[in-house]
Protein backbone atom coordinates (compact mmCIF):
# COMPACT_ATOMS: atom_id res chain seq x y z
CA MET A 1 104.14 86.58 103.55
CA TRP A 2 103.80 88.43 100.26
CA VAL A 3 101.02 88.01 97.67
CA VAL A 4 100.94 89.08 94.04
CA THR A 5 97.41 89.39 92.66
CA LEU A 6 97.01 89.46 88.89
CA TYR A 7 93.77 90.48 87.19
CA ALA A 8 93.78 89.02 83.67
CA HIS A 9 90.72 88.92 81.42
CA ASP A 10 88.05 87.01 83.35
CA ARG A 11 90.40 85.49 85.95
CA ILE A 12 92.12 86.46 89.15
CA LYS A 13 95.38 84.69 89.94
CA MET A 14 97.20 84.93 93.26
CA TYR A 15 100.81 83.96 93.90
CA GLU A 16 102.17 83.56 97.42
CA PHE A 17 105.81 84.20 98.42
CA ASP A 18 107.84 83.95 101.62
CA ASN A 19 109.88 87.10 101.04
CA LYS A 20 109.61 90.45 99.29
CA GLU A 21 112.49 89.85 96.86
CA GLU A 22 110.84 86.78 95.29
CA ALA A 23 107.49 88.54 95.11
CA GLN A 24 108.97 91.69 93.57
CA LYS A 25 110.79 89.64 90.92
CA GLN A 26 107.58 87.86 89.90
CA PHE A 27 105.63 91.14 90.07
CA ASP A 28 108.06 92.81 87.65
CA ASN A 29 107.77 89.91 85.18
CA LEU A 30 103.96 89.89 85.05
CA THR A 31 101.96 92.07 82.68
CA GLY A 32 98.49 93.42 83.27
CA CYS A 33 96.74 94.84 86.29
CA LYS A 34 98.62 93.58 89.34
CA ILE A 35 98.93 94.27 93.05
CA LEU A 36 101.79 93.43 95.42
CA SER A 37 100.63 93.00 99.03
CA GLU A 38 102.27 92.13 102.33
CA VAL A 39 100.17 89.94 104.63
CA ILE A 40 100.77 90.48 108.34
CA TYR A 41 98.99 88.35 110.92
CA PHE A 42 98.10 89.74 114.35
CA THR A 43 99.66 86.65 115.93
CA ASP A 44 103.03 87.60 114.40
CA PHE A 45 103.14 90.59 116.76
CA GLU A 46 102.15 88.50 119.75
CA ASP A 47 104.73 85.81 118.98
CA ALA A 48 107.45 88.43 118.53
CA ASP A 49 106.44 90.00 121.86
CA VAL A 50 106.14 93.38 120.12
CA MET A 51 102.93 94.40 121.82
CA PRO A 52 100.87 93.08 124.73
CA LYS A 53 98.01 90.71 124.03
CA ARG A 54 95.44 93.25 125.20
CA GLU A 55 96.39 95.57 122.32
CA LEU A 56 95.63 92.85 119.77
CA ALA A 57 91.94 92.69 120.66
CA PHE A 58 89.37 93.98 118.19
CA ALA A 59 87.31 97.00 119.14
CA PRO A 60 83.78 96.22 120.38
CA ASN A 61 80.89 96.82 118.00
């Protein structure tokens, strides 16, 4: 998932996209202070069997 965050005057707007191409197109068309971010969920790695479940655990406090 990709997110474009736009800071405009006294508002923050966020737009969510399924792929980078759509997000980049919208990002290029917006004016102002903006950020393009990729959101990656830990469960995406587990579902793709990229790393063992034990490596997805958070470090103890």
